[in-house]
């Protein structure tokens, strides 16, 4: 079983997608993202984890996704089923996806 672990120099590709959404559509967006993860993303090669975060003010949703490689992310984004969910999400919110690597981790 995979889980989200954030550490430096782990070689994991991280996609962070920040969605700007109207308050009344935040839960609908979360539902679409969750459905896409369950029906498509989890079954794609290289998938590790997805975490969906919601802002307390209702105007943002963050999709924090970990994959084995940038190529796995690119292949998933090219998948017609994944594109269908991206289109549904895009109809509700403005997305700003970017690839990241962990620069540092701090603990108490």
PDB file of N, CA and C in Angstrom:
ATOM      1  N   UNK A   1       0.841  -1.178   0.000  1.00  0.00           N
ATOM      2  CA  UNK A   1       0.000   0.000   0.000  1.00  0.00           C
ATOM      3  C   UNK A   1       0.889   1.246   0.000  1.00  0.00           C
ATOM      4  N   UNK A   2       0.560   2.208  -0.824  1.00  0.00           N
ATOM      5  CA  UNK A   2       1.304   3.456  -0.907  1.00  0.00           C
ATOM      6  C   UNK A   2       0.686   4.499   0.020  1.00  0.00           C
ATOM      7  N   UNK A   3       1.530   5.395   0.484  1.00  0.00           N
ATOM      8  CA  UNK A   3       1.035   6.511   1.274  1.00  0.00           C
ATOM      9  C   UNK A   3       1.903   7.725   0.998  1.00  0.00           C
ATOM     10  N   UNK A   4       1.390   8.881   1.352  1.00  0.00           N
ATOM     11  CA  UNK A   4       2.123  10.114   1.133  1.00  0.00           C
ATOM     12  C   UNK A   4       3.201  10.263   2.193  1.00  0.00           C
ATOM     13  N   UNK A   5       4.437  10.348   1.736  1.00  0.00           N
ATOM     14  CA  UNK A   5       5.570  10.631   2.598  1.00  0.00           C
ATOM     15  C   UNK A   5       6.330  11.762   1.926  1.00  0.00           C
ATOM     16  N   UNK A   6       6.580  12.823   2.661  1.00  0.00           N
ATOM     17  CA  UNK A   6       7.287  13.972   2.097  1.00  0.00           C
ATOM     18  C   UNK A   6       8.707  13.969   2.655  1.00  0.00           C
ATOM     19  N   UNK A   7       9.671  13.809   1.749  1.00  0.00           N
ATOM     20  CA  UNK A   7      11.068  13.822   2.165  1.00  0.00           C
ATOM     21  C   UNK A   7      11.929  14.372   1.034  1.00  0.00           C
ATOM     22  N   UNK A   8      13.082  14.883   1.408  1.00  0.00           N
ATOM     23  CA  UNK A   8      14.009  15.438   0.421  1.00  0.00           C
ATOM     24  C   UNK A   8      14.688  14.325  -0.366  1.00  0.00           C
ATOM     25  N   UNK A   9      15.041  14.629  -1.609  1.00  0.00           N
ATOM     26  CA  UNK A   9      15.832  13.730  -2.449  1.00  0.00           C
ATOM     27  C   UNK A   9      15.249  12.331  -2.573  1.00  0.00           C
ATOM     28  N   UNK A  10      13.928  12.242  -2.633  1.00  0.00           N
ATOM     29  CA  UNK A  10      13.290  10.930  -2.713  1.00  0.00           C
ATOM     30  C   UNK A  10      13.046  10.472  -4.144  1.00  0.00           C
ATOM     31  N   UNK A  11      13.276  11.361  -5.113  1.00  0.00           N
ATOM     32  CA  UNK A  11      13.083  10.999  -6.510  1.00  0.00           C
ATOM     33  C   UNK A  11      11.630  10.944  -6.947  1.00  0.00           C
ATOM     34  N   UNK A  12      10.734  11.303  -6.064  1.00  0.00           N
ATOM     35  CA  UNK A  12       9.305  11.277  -6.383  1.00  0.00           C
ATOM     36  C   UNK A  12       8.924  12.554  -7.130  1.00  0.00           C
ATOM     37  N   UNK A  13       8.065  12.417  -8.114  1.00  0.00           N
ATOM     38  CA  UNK A  13       7.535  13.572  -8.843  1.00  0.00           C
ATOM     39  C   UNK A  13       6.254  14.017  -8.156  1.00  0.00           C
ATOM     40  N   UNK A  14       6.168  15.295  -7.851  1.00  0.00           N
ATOM     41  CA  UNK A  14       5.007  15.832  -7.149  1.00  0.00           C
ATOM     42  C   UNK A  14       4.304  16.861  -8.026  1.00  0.00           C
ATOM     43  N   UNK A  15       3.026  16.659  -8.221  1.00  0.00           N
ATOM     44  CA  UNK A  15       2.187  17.605  -8.945  1.00  0.00           C
ATOM     45  C   UNK A  15       1.309  18.310  -7.924  1.00  0.00           C
ATOM     46  N   UNK A  16       1.402  19.630  -7.895  1.00  0.00           N
ATOM     47  CA  UNK A  16       0.528  20.421  -7.028  1.00  0.00           C
ATOM     48  C   UNK A  16      -0.341  21.262  -7.944  1.00  0.00           C
ATOM     49  N   UNK A  17      -1.647  21.085  -7.814  1.00  0.00           N
ATOM     50  CA  UNK A  17      -2.594  21.834  -8.632  1.00  0.00           C
ATOM     51  C   UNK A  17      -3.478  22.648  -7.700  1.00  0.00           C
ATOM     52  N   UNK A  18      -3.368  23.956  -7.792  1.00  0.00           N
ATOM     53  CA  UNK A  18      -4.176  24.850  -6.966  1.00  0.00           C
ATOM     54  C   UNK A  18      -5.354  25.330  -7.803  1.00  0.00           C
ATOM     55  N   UNK A  19      -6.547  25.050  -7.330  1.00  0.00           N
ATOM     56  CA  UNK A  19      -7.772  25.459  -8.002  1.00  0.00           C
ATOM     57  C   UNK A  19      -8.378  26.653  -7.283  1.00  0.00           C
ATOM     58  N   UNK A  20      -8.733  27.673  -8.029  1.00  0.00           N
ATOM     59  CA  UNK A  20      -9.507  28.799  -7.506  1.00  0.00           C
ATOM     60  C   UNK A  20     -10.965  28.499  -7.864  1.00  0.00           C
ATOM     61  N   UNK A  21     -11.839  28.502  -6.871  1.00  0.00           N
ATOM     62  CA  UNK A  21     -13.214  28.068  -7.077  1.00  0.00           C
ATOM     63  C   UNK A  21     -14.172  28.964  -6.291  1.00  0.00           C
ATOM     64  N   UNK A  22     -15.385  29.101  -6.787  1.00  0.00           N
ATOM     65  CA  UNK A  22     -16.419  29.817  -6.037  1.00  0.00           C
ATOM     66  C   UNK A  22     -16.826  28.954  -4.839  1.00  0.00           C
ATOM     67  N   UNK A  23     -17.107  29.618  -3.718  1.00  0.00           N
ATOM     68  CA  UNK A  23     -17.417  28.911  -2.476  1.00  0.00           C
ATOM     69  C   UNK A  23     -18.477  27.831  -2.652  1.00  0.00           C
ATOM     70  N   UNK A  24     -19.526  28.166  -3.370  1.00  0.00           N
ATOM     71  CA  UNK A  24     -20.636  27.223  -3.498  1.00  0.00           C
ATOM     72  C   UNK A  24     -20.307  26.031  -4.386  1.00  0.00           C
ATOM     73  N   UNK A  25     -19.168  26.071  -5.075  1.00  0.00           N
ATOM     74  CA  UNK A  25     -18.769  24.967  -5.961  1.00  0.00           C
ATOM     75  C   UNK A  25     -17.599  24.152  -5.412  1.00  0.00           C
ATOM     76  N   UNK A  26     -17.089  24.544  -4.244  1.00  0.00           N
ATOM     77  CA  UNK A  26     -15.913  23.857  -3.706  1.00  0.00           C
ATOM     78  C   UNK A  26     -16.166  22.360  -3.510  1.00  0.00           C
ATOM     79  N   UNK A  27     -17.258  21.983  -2.863  1.00  0.00           N
ATOM     80  CA  UNK A  27     -17.523  20.565  -2.596  1.00  0.00           C
ATOM     81  C   UNK A  27     -17.752  19.791  -3.887  1.00  0.00           C
ATOM     82  N   UNK A  28     -18.410  20.410  -4.856  1.00  0.00           N
ATOM     83  CA  UNK A  28     -18.625  19.750  -6.153  1.00  0.00           C
ATOM     84  C   UNK A  28     -17.279  19.459  -6.817  1.00  0.00           C
ATOM     85  N   UNK A  29     -16.346  20.396  -6.739  1.00  0.00           N
ATOM     86  CA  UNK A  29     -15.011  20.185  -7.288  1.00  0.00           C
ATOM     87  C   UNK A  29     -14.305  19.049  -6.559  1.00  0.00           C
ATOM     88  N   UNK A  30     -14.371  19.032  -5.242  1.00  0.00           N
ATOM     89  CA  UNK A  30     -13.763  17.954  -4.459  1.00  0.00           C
ATOM     90  C   UNK A  30     -14.339  16.604  -4.874  1.00  0.00           C
ATOM     91  N   UNK A  31     -15.647  16.539  -5.051  1.00  0.00           N
ATOM     92  CA  UNK A  31     -16.297  15.291  -5.463  1.00  0.00           C
ATOM     93  C   UNK A  31     -15.784  14.816  -6.823  1.00  0.00           C
ATOM     94  N   UNK A  32     -15.618  15.727  -7.766  1.00  0.00           N
ATOM     95  CA  UNK A  32     -15.112  15.375  -9.097  1.00  0.00           C
ATOM     96  C   UNK A  32     -13.668  14.885  -9.002  1.00  0.00           C
ATOM     97  N   UNK A  33     -12.840  15.593  -8.235  1.00  0.00           N
ATOM     98  CA  UNK A  33     -11.449  15.176  -8.083  1.00  0.00           C
ATOM     99  C   UNK A  33     -11.368  13.803  -7.425  1.00  0.00           C
ATOM    100  N   UNK A  34     -12.151  13.582  -6.379  1.00  0.00           N
ATOM    101  CA  UNK A  34     -12.145  12.278  -5.710  1.00  0.00           C
ATOM    102  C   UNK A  34     -12.590  11.160  -6.649  1.00  0.00           C
ATOM    103  N   UNK A  35     -13.609  11.424  -7.429  1.00  0.00           N
ATOM    104  CA  UNK A  35     -14.084  10.415  -8.389  1.00  0.00           C
ATOM    105  C   UNK A  35     -12.999  10.104  -9.423  1.00  0.00           C
ATOM    106  N   UNK A  36     -12.327  11.135  -9.915  1.00  0.00           N
ATOM    107  CA  UNK A  36     -11.255  10.926 -10.884  1.00  0.00           C
ATOM    108  C   UNK A  36     -10.118  10.103 -10.314  1.00  0.00           C
ATOM    109  N   UNK A  37      -9.784  10.348  -9.047  1.00  0.00           N
ATOM    110  CA  UNK A  37      -8.723   9.568  -8.397  1.00  0.00           C
ATOM    111  C   UNK A  37      -9.142   8.110  -8.303  1.00  0.00           C
ATOM    112  N   UNK A  38     -10.343   7.874  -7.820  1.00  0.00           N
ATOM    113  CA  UNK A  38     -10.806   6.501  -7.617  1.00  0.00           C
ATOM    114  C   UNK A  38     -10.989   5.729  -8.931  1.00  0.00           C
ATOM    115  N   UNK A  39     -11.505   6.392  -9.938  1.00  0.00           N
ATOM    116  CA  UNK A  39     -11.817   5.691 -11.194  1.00  0.00           C
ATOM    117  C   UNK A  39     -10.659   5.655 -12.192  1.00  0.00           C
ATOM    118  N   UNK A  40      -9.747   6.631 -12.123  1.00  0.00           N
ATOM    119  CA  UNK A  40      -8.695   6.716 -13.137  1.00  0.00           C
ATOM    120  C   UNK A  40      -7.297   6.728 -12.526  1.00  0.00           C
ATOM    121  N   UNK A  41      -7.003   7.738 -11.742  1.00  0.00           N
ATOM    122  CA  UNK A  41      -5.628   7.973 -11.294  1.00  0.00           C
ATOM    123  C   UNK A  41      -5.022   6.799 -10.537  1.00  0.00           C
ATOM    124  N   UNK A  42      -5.772   6.221  -9.608  1.00  0.00           N
ATOM    125  CA  UNK A  42      -5.258   5.112  -8.807  1.00  0.00           C
ATOM    126  C   UNK A  42      -4.815   3.926  -9.658  1.00  0.00           C
ATOM    127  N   UNK A  43      -5.375   3.810 -10.836  1.00  0.00           N
ATOM    128  CA  UNK A  43      -5.086   2.668 -11.693  1.00  0.00           C
ATOM    129  C   UNK A  43      -3.979   2.930 -12.710  1.00  0.00           C
ATOM    130  N   UNK A  44      -3.451   4.129 -12.718  1.00  0.00           N
ATOM    131  CA  UNK A  44      -2.415   4.505 -13.679  1.00  0.00           C
ATOM    132  C   UNK A  44      -1.035   4.067 -13.188  1.00  0.00           C
ATOM    133  N   UNK A  45      -0.154   3.682 -14.113  1.00  0.00           N
ATOM    134  CA  UNK A  45       1.218   3.335 -13.725  1.00  0.00           C
ATOM    135  C   UNK A  45       1.913   4.511 -13.047  1.00  0.00           C
ATOM    136  N   UNK A  46       2.653   4.210 -11.993  1.00  0.00           N
ATOM    137  CA  UNK A  46       3.432   5.218 -11.299  1.00  0.00           C
ATOM    138  C   UNK A  46       2.702   5.978 -10.216  1.00  0.00           C
ATOM    139  N   UNK A  47       1.401   5.737 -10.061  1.00  0.00           N
ATOM    140  CA  UNK A  47       0.618   6.439  -9.043  1.00  0.00           C
ATOM    141  C   UNK A  47       1.112   6.068  -7.648  1.00  0.00           C
ATOM    142  N   UNK A  48       1.287   7.073  -6.786  1.00  0.00           N
ATOM    143  CA  UNK A  48       1.625   6.831  -5.384  1.00  0.00           C
ATOM    144  C   UNK A  48       0.482   7.287  -4.489  1.00  0.00           C
ATOM    145  N   UNK A  49       0.111   8.575  -4.591  1.00  0.00           N
ATOM    146  CA  UNK A  49      -0.937   9.087  -3.705  1.00  0.00           C
ATOM    147  C   UNK A  49      -1.487  10.405  -4.227  1.00  0.00           C
ATOM    148  N   UNK A  50      -2.688  10.727  -3.772  1.00  0.00           N
ATOM    149  CA  UNK A  50      -3.293  12.035  -4.003  1.00  0.00           C
ATOM    150  C   UNK A  50      -3.903  12.485  -2.680  1.00  0.00           C
ATOM    151  N   UNK A  51      -3.688  13.752  -2.377  1.00  0.00           N
ATOM    152  CA  UNK A  51      -4.294  14.382  -1.208  1.00  0.00           C
ATOM    153  C   UNK A  51      -5.035  15.614  -1.688  1.00  0.00           C
ATOM    154  N   UNK A  52      -6.271  15.748  -1.272  1.00  0.00           N
ATOM    155  CA  UNK A  52      -7.095  16.891  -1.641  1.00  0.00           C
ATOM    156  C   UNK A  52      -7.266  17.763  -0.398  1.00  0.00           C
ATOM    157  N   UNK A  53      -6.868  19.029  -0.515  1.00  0.00           N
ATOM    158  CA  UNK A  53      -6.990  19.974   0.585  1.00  0.00           C
ATOM    159  C   UNK A  53      -7.982  21.070   0.192  1.00  0.00           C
ATOM    160  N   UNK A  54      -8.757  21.547   1.151  1.00  0.00           N
ATOM    161  CA  UNK A  54      -9.705  22.625   0.891  1.00  0.00           C
ATOM    162  C   UNK A  54      -9.400  23.803   1.814  1.00  0.00           C
ATOM    163  N   UNK A  55      -9.525  25.001   1.268  1.00  0.00           N
ATOM    164  CA  UNK A  55      -9.302  26.189   2.093  1.00  0.00           C
ATOM    165  C   UNK A  55     -10.518  26.411   2.986  1.00  0.00           C
ATOM    166  N   UNK A  56     -10.264  26.963   4.144  1.00  0.00           N
ATOM    167  CA  UNK A  56     -11.338  27.228   5.106  1.00  0.00           C
ATOM    168  C   UNK A  56     -12.316  28.276   4.582  1.00  0.00           C
ATOM    169  N   UNK A  57     -11.841  29.167   3.706  1.00  0.00           N
ATOM    170  CA  UNK A  57     -12.744  30.196   3.184  1.00  0.00           C
ATOM    171  C   UNK A  57     -13.553  29.708   1.983  1.00  0.00           C
ATOM    172  N   UNK A  58     -13.305  28.469   1.538  1.00  0.00           N
ATOM    173  CA  UNK A  58     -14.107  27.881   0.473  1.00  0.00           C
ATOM    174  C   UNK A  58     -13.700  28.246  -0.943  1.00  0.00           C
ATOM    175  N   UNK A  59     -12.626  29.011  -1.115  1.00  0.00           N
ATOM    176  CA  UNK A  59     -12.291  29.517  -2.445  1.00  0.00           C
ATOM    177  C   UNK A  59     -11.144  28.776  -3.146  1.00  0.00           C
ATOM    178  N   UNK A  60     -10.544  27.808  -2.471  1.00  0.00           N
ATOM    179  CA  UNK A  60      -9.454  27.073  -3.092  1.00  0.00           C
ATOM    180  C   UNK A  60      -9.521  25.589  -2.753  1.00  0.00           C
ATOM    181  N   UNK A  61      -9.011  24.806  -3.700  1.00  0.00           N
ATOM    182  CA  UNK A  61      -8.820  23.371  -3.497  1.00  0.00           C
ATOM    183  C   UNK A  61      -7.421  23.064  -4.014  1.00  0.00           C
ATOM    184  N   UNK A  62      -6.672  22.289  -3.257  1.00  0.00           N
ATOM    185  CA  UNK A  62      -5.335  21.888  -3.682  1.00  0.00           C
ATOM    186  C   UNK A  62      -5.310  20.382  -3.871  1.00  0.00           C
ATOM    187  N   UNK A  63      -4.792  19.981  -5.020  1.00  0.00           N
ATOM    188  CA  UNK A  63      -4.582  18.574  -5.329  1.00  0.00           C
ATOM    189  C   UNK A  63      -3.074  18.345  -5.228  1.00  0.00           C
ATOM    190  N   UNK A  64      -2.642  17.581  -4.228  1.00  0.00           N
ATOM    191  CA  UNK A  64      -1.229  17.270  -4.009  1.00  0.00           C
ATOM    192  C   UNK A  64      -1.045  15.810  -4.394  1.00  0.00           C
ATOM    193  N   UNK A  65      -0.416  15.570  -5.544  1.00  0.00           N
ATOM    194  CA  UNK A  65      -0.303  14.215  -6.084  1.00  0.00           C
ATOM    195  C   UNK A  65       1.151  13.786  -6.218  1.00  0.00           C
ATOM    196  N   UNK A  66       1.436  12.558  -5.805  1.00  0.00           N
ATOM    197  CA  UNK A  66       2.777  12.010  -5.932  1.00  0.00           C
ATOM    198  C   UNK A  66       2.778  10.853  -6.931  1.00  0.00           C
ATOM    199  N   UNK A  67       3.812  10.872  -7.789  1.00  0.00           N
ATOM    200  CA  UNK A  67       3.978   9.863  -8.829  1.00  0.00           C
ATOM    201  C   UNK A  67       5.432   9.409  -8.834  1.00  0.00           C
ATOM    202  N   UNK A  68       5.684   8.259  -9.416  1.00  0.00           N
ATOM    203  CA  UNK A  68       7.053   7.747  -9.483  1.00  0.00           C
ATOM    204  C   UNK A  68       7.953   8.583 -10.370  1.00  0.00           C
ATOM    205  N   UNK A  69       7.395   9.222 -11.394  1.00  0.00           N
ATOM    206  CA  UNK A  69       8.232  10.001 -12.317  1.00  0.00           C
ATOM    207  C   UNK A  69       7.408  11.073 -13.018  1.00  0.00           C
ATOM    208  N   UNK A  70       8.075  12.094 -13.548  1.00  0.00           N
ATOM    209  CA  UNK A  70       7.368  13.092 -14.359  1.00  0.00           C
ATOM    210  C   UNK A  70       6.720  12.463 -15.592  1.00  0.00           C
ATOM    211  N   UNK A  71       7.357  11.422 -16.119  1.00  0.00           N
ATOM    212  CA  UNK A  71       6.783  10.738 -17.286  1.00  0.00           C
ATOM    213  C   UNK A  71       5.452  10.078 -16.956  1.00  0.00           C
ATOM    214  N   UNK A  72       5.320   9.546 -15.739  1.00  0.00           N
ATOM    215  CA  UNK A  72       4.038   8.963 -15.310  1.00  0.00           C
ATOM    216  C   UNK A  72       2.961  10.036 -15.256  1.00  0.00           C
ATOM    217  N   UNK A  73       3.320  11.226 -14.792  1.00  0.00           N
ATOM    218  CA  UNK A  73       2.363  12.333 -14.742  1.00  0.00           C
ATOM    219  C   UNK A  73       1.954  12.727 -16.160  1.00  0.00           C
ATOM    220  N   UNK A  74       2.927  12.878 -17.042  1.00  0.00           N
ATOM    221  CA  UNK A  74       2.643  13.264 -18.429  1.00  0.00           C
ATOM    222  C   UNK A  74       1.754  12.244 -19.117  1.00  0.00           C
ATOM    223  N   UNK A  75       2.041  10.948 -18.917  1.00  0.00           N
ATOM    224  CA  UNK A  75       1.228   9.903 -19.533  1.00  0.00           C
ATOM    225  C   UNK A  75      -0.199   9.933 -19.001  1.00  0.00           C
ATOM    226  N   UNK A  76      -0.339  10.193 -17.719  1.00  0.00           N
ATOM    227  CA  UNK A  76      -1.676  10.271 -17.129  1.00  0.00           C
ATOM    228  C   UNK A  76      -2.428  11.478 -17.668  1.00  0.00           C
ATOM    229  N   UNK A  77      -1.754  12.610 -17.776  1.00  0.00           N
ATOM    230  CA  UNK A  77      -2.411  13.813 -18.296  1.00  0.00           C
ATOM    231  C   UNK A  77      -2.826  13.642 -19.761  1.00  0.00           C
ATOM    232  N   UNK A  78      -2.166  12.746 -20.471  1.00  0.00           N
ATOM    233  CA  UNK A  78      -2.512  12.488 -21.872  1.00  0.00           C
ATOM    234  C   UNK A  78      -3.626  11.452 -22.014  1.00  0.00           C
ATOM    235  N   UNK A  79      -3.959  10.772 -20.940  1.00  0.00           N
ATOM    236  CA  UNK A  79      -4.992   9.736 -20.961  1.00  0.00           C
ATOM    237  C   UNK A  79      -6.365  10.399 -21.150  1.00  0.00           C
ATOM    238  N   UNK A  80      -7.152   9.949 -22.127  1.00  0.00           N
ATOM    239  CA  UNK A  80      -8.474  10.558 -22.373  1.00  0.00           C
ATOM    240  C   UNK A  80      -9.405  10.523 -21.159  1.00  0.00           C
ATOM    241  N   UNK A  81      -9.327   9.468 -20.364  1.00  0.00           N
ATOM    242  CA  UNK A  81     -10.182   9.403 -19.170  1.00  0.00           C
ATOM    243  C   UNK A  81      -9.774  10.470 -18.154  1.00  0.00           C
ATOM    244  N   UNK A  82      -8.475  10.656 -17.965  1.00  0.00           N
ATOM    245  CA  UNK A  82      -7.994  11.689 -17.049  1.00  0.00           C
ATOM    246  C   UNK A  82      -8.351  13.073 -17.585  1.00  0.00           C
ATOM    247  N   UNK A  83      -8.235  13.253 -18.890  1.00  0.00           N
ATOM    248  CA  UNK A  83      -8.579  14.539 -19.503  1.00  0.00           C
ATOM    249  C   UNK A  83     -10.051  14.870 -19.301  1.00  0.00           C
ATOM    250  N   UNK A  84     -10.909  13.861 -19.308  1.00  0.00           N
ATOM    251  CA  UNK A  84     -12.339  14.098 -19.084  1.00  0.00           C
ATOM    252  C   UNK A  84     -12.577  14.667 -17.687  1.00  0.00           C
ATOM    253  N   UNK A  85     -11.872  14.139 -16.681  1.00  0.00           N
ATOM    254  CA  UNK A  85     -12.019  14.673 -15.326  1.00  0.00           C
ATOM    255  C   UNK A  85     -11.405  16.062 -15.206  1.00  0.00           C
ATOM    256  N   UNK A  86     -10.297  16.288 -15.895  1.00  0.00           N
ATOM    257  CA  UNK A  86      -9.687  17.621 -15.886  1.00  0.00           C
ATOM    258  C   UNK A  86     -10.644  18.647 -16.496  1.00  0.00           C
ATOM    259  N   UNK A  87     -11.349  18.239 -17.528  1.00  0.00           N
ATOM    260  CA  UNK A  87     -12.309  19.140 -18.179  1.00  0.00           C
ATOM    261  C   UNK A  87     -13.475  19.456 -17.229  1.00  0.00           C
ATOM    262  N   UNK A  88     -13.964  18.441 -16.522  1.00  0.00           N
ATOM    263  CA  UNK A  88     -15.041  18.660 -15.542  1.00  0.00           C
ATOM    264  C   UNK A  88     -14.583  19.621 -14.440  1.00  0.00           C
ATOM    265  N   UNK A  89     -13.376  19.401 -13.942  1.00  0.00           N
ATOM    266  CA  UNK A  89     -12.837  20.272 -12.892  1.00  0.00           C
ATOM    267  C   UNK A  89     -12.645  21.682 -13.438  1.00  0.00           C
ATOM    268  N   UNK A  90     -12.154  21.787 -14.668  1.00  0.00           N
ATOM    269  CA  UNK A  90     -11.925  23.082 -15.292  1.00  0.00           C
ATOM    270  C   UNK A  90     -13.194  23.873 -15.530  1.00  0.00           C
ATOM    271  N   UNK A  91     -14.323  23.173 -15.638  1.00  0.00           N
ATOM    272  CA  UNK A  91     -15.599  23.864 -15.811  1.00  0.00           C
ATOM    273  C   UNK A  91     -16.058  24.522 -14.507  1.00  0.00           C
ATOM    274  N   UNK A  92     -15.503  24.078 -13.382  1.00  0.00           N
ATOM    275  CA  UNK A  92     -15.898  24.608 -12.080  1.00  0.00           C
ATOM    276  C   UNK A  92     -14.894  25.592 -11.493  1.00  0.00           C
ATOM    277  N   UNK A  93     -13.632  25.474 -11.919  1.00  0.00           N
ATOM    278  CA  UNK A  93     -12.575  26.227 -11.253  1.00  0.00           C
ATOM    279  C   UNK A  93     -11.435  26.537 -12.213  1.00  0.00           C
ATOM    280  N   UNK A  94     -10.588  27.467 -11.810  1.00  0.00           N
ATOM    281  CA  UNK A  94      -9.372  27.784 -12.549  1.00  0.00           C
ATOM    282  C   UNK A  94      -8.224  27.015 -11.916  1.00  0.00           C
ATOM    283  N   UNK A  95      -7.532  26.217 -12.728  1.00  0.00           N
ATOM    284  CA  UNK A  95      -6.454  25.365 -12.226  1.00  0.00           C
ATOM    285  C   UNK A  95      -5.090  25.958 -12.535  1.00  0.00           C
ATOM    286  N   UNK A  96      -4.130  25.705 -11.637  1.00  0.00           N
ATOM    287  CA  UNK A  96      -2.737  26.128 -11.825  1.00  0.00           C
ATOM    288  C   UNK A  96      -1.817  24.978 -11.443  1.00  0.00           C
ATOM    289  N   UNK A  97      -1.678  23.967 -12.325  1.00  0.00           N
ATOM    290  CA  UNK A  97      -0.820  22.825 -12.001  1.00  0.00           C
ATOM    291  C   UNK A  97       0.657  23.110 -12.265  1.00  0.00           C
ATOM    292  N   UNK A  98       1.514  22.553 -11.402  1.00  0.00           N
ATOM    293  CA  UNK A  98       2.967  22.651 -11.578  1.00  0.00           C
ATOM    294  C   UNK A  98       3.623  21.424 -10.965  1.00  0.00           C
ATOM    295  N   UNK A  99       4.783  21.043 -11.523  1.00  0.00           N
ATOM    296  CA  UNK A  99       5.584  19.969 -10.952  1.00  0.00           C
ATOM    297  C   UNK A  99       6.538  20.553  -9.923  1.00  0.00           C
ATOM    298  N   UNK A 100       6.741  19.817  -8.826  1.00  0.00           N
ATOM    299  CA  UNK A 100       7.596  20.272  -7.737  1.00  0.00           C
ATOM    300  C   UNK A 100       8.513  19.145  -7.276  1.00  0.00           C
ATOM    301  N   UNK A 101       9.586  19.537  -6.599  1.00  0.00           N
ATOM    302  CA  UNK A 101      10.414  18.615  -5.843  1.00  0.00           C
ATOM    303  C   UNK A 101      10.551  19.200  -4.442  1.00  0.00           C
ATOM    304  N   UNK A 102      10.794  18.363  -3.470  1.00  0.00           N
ATOM    305  CA  UNK A 102      10.883  18.799  -2.080  1.00  0.00           C
ATOM    306  C   UNK A 102      12.255  19.440  -1.849  1.00  0.00           C
ATOM    307  N   UNK A 103      12.265  20.670  -1.418  1.00  0.00           N
ATOM    308  CA  UNK A 103      13.511  21.388  -1.147  1.00  0.00           C
ATOM    309  C   UNK A 103      13.982  21.159   0.291  1.00  0.00           C
ATOM    310  N   UNK A 104      13.037  21.082   1.216  1.00  0.00           N
ATOM    311  CA  UNK A 104      13.398  20.838   2.612  1.00  0.00           C
ATOM    312  C   UNK A 104      12.177  20.389   3.389  1.00  0.00           C
ATOM    313  N   UNK A 105      12.418  19.691   4.480  1.00  0.00           N
ATOM    314  CA  UNK A 105      11.362  19.225   5.376  1.00  0.00           C
ATOM    315  C   UNK A 105      11.800  19.560   6.805  1.00  0.00           C
ATOM    316  N   UNK A 106      10.892  20.082   7.613  1.00  0.00           N
ATOM    317  CA  UNK A 106      11.204  20.462   8.995  1.00  0.00           C
ATOM    318  C   UNK A 106      10.169  19.840   9.935  1.00  0.00           C
ATOM    319  N   UNK A 107      10.621  19.375  11.079  1.00  0.00           N
ATOM    320  CA  UNK A 107       9.734  18.793  12.084  1.00  0.00           C
ATOM    321  C   UNK A 107      10.052  19.389  13.447  1.00  0.00           C
ATOM    322  N   UNK A 108       9.088  19.325  14.333  1.00  0.00           N
ATOM    323  CA  UNK A 108       9.292  19.817  15.706  1.00  0.00           C
ATOM    324  C   UNK A 108      10.266  18.925  16.435  1.00  0.00           C
TER     325      UNK A 108
END
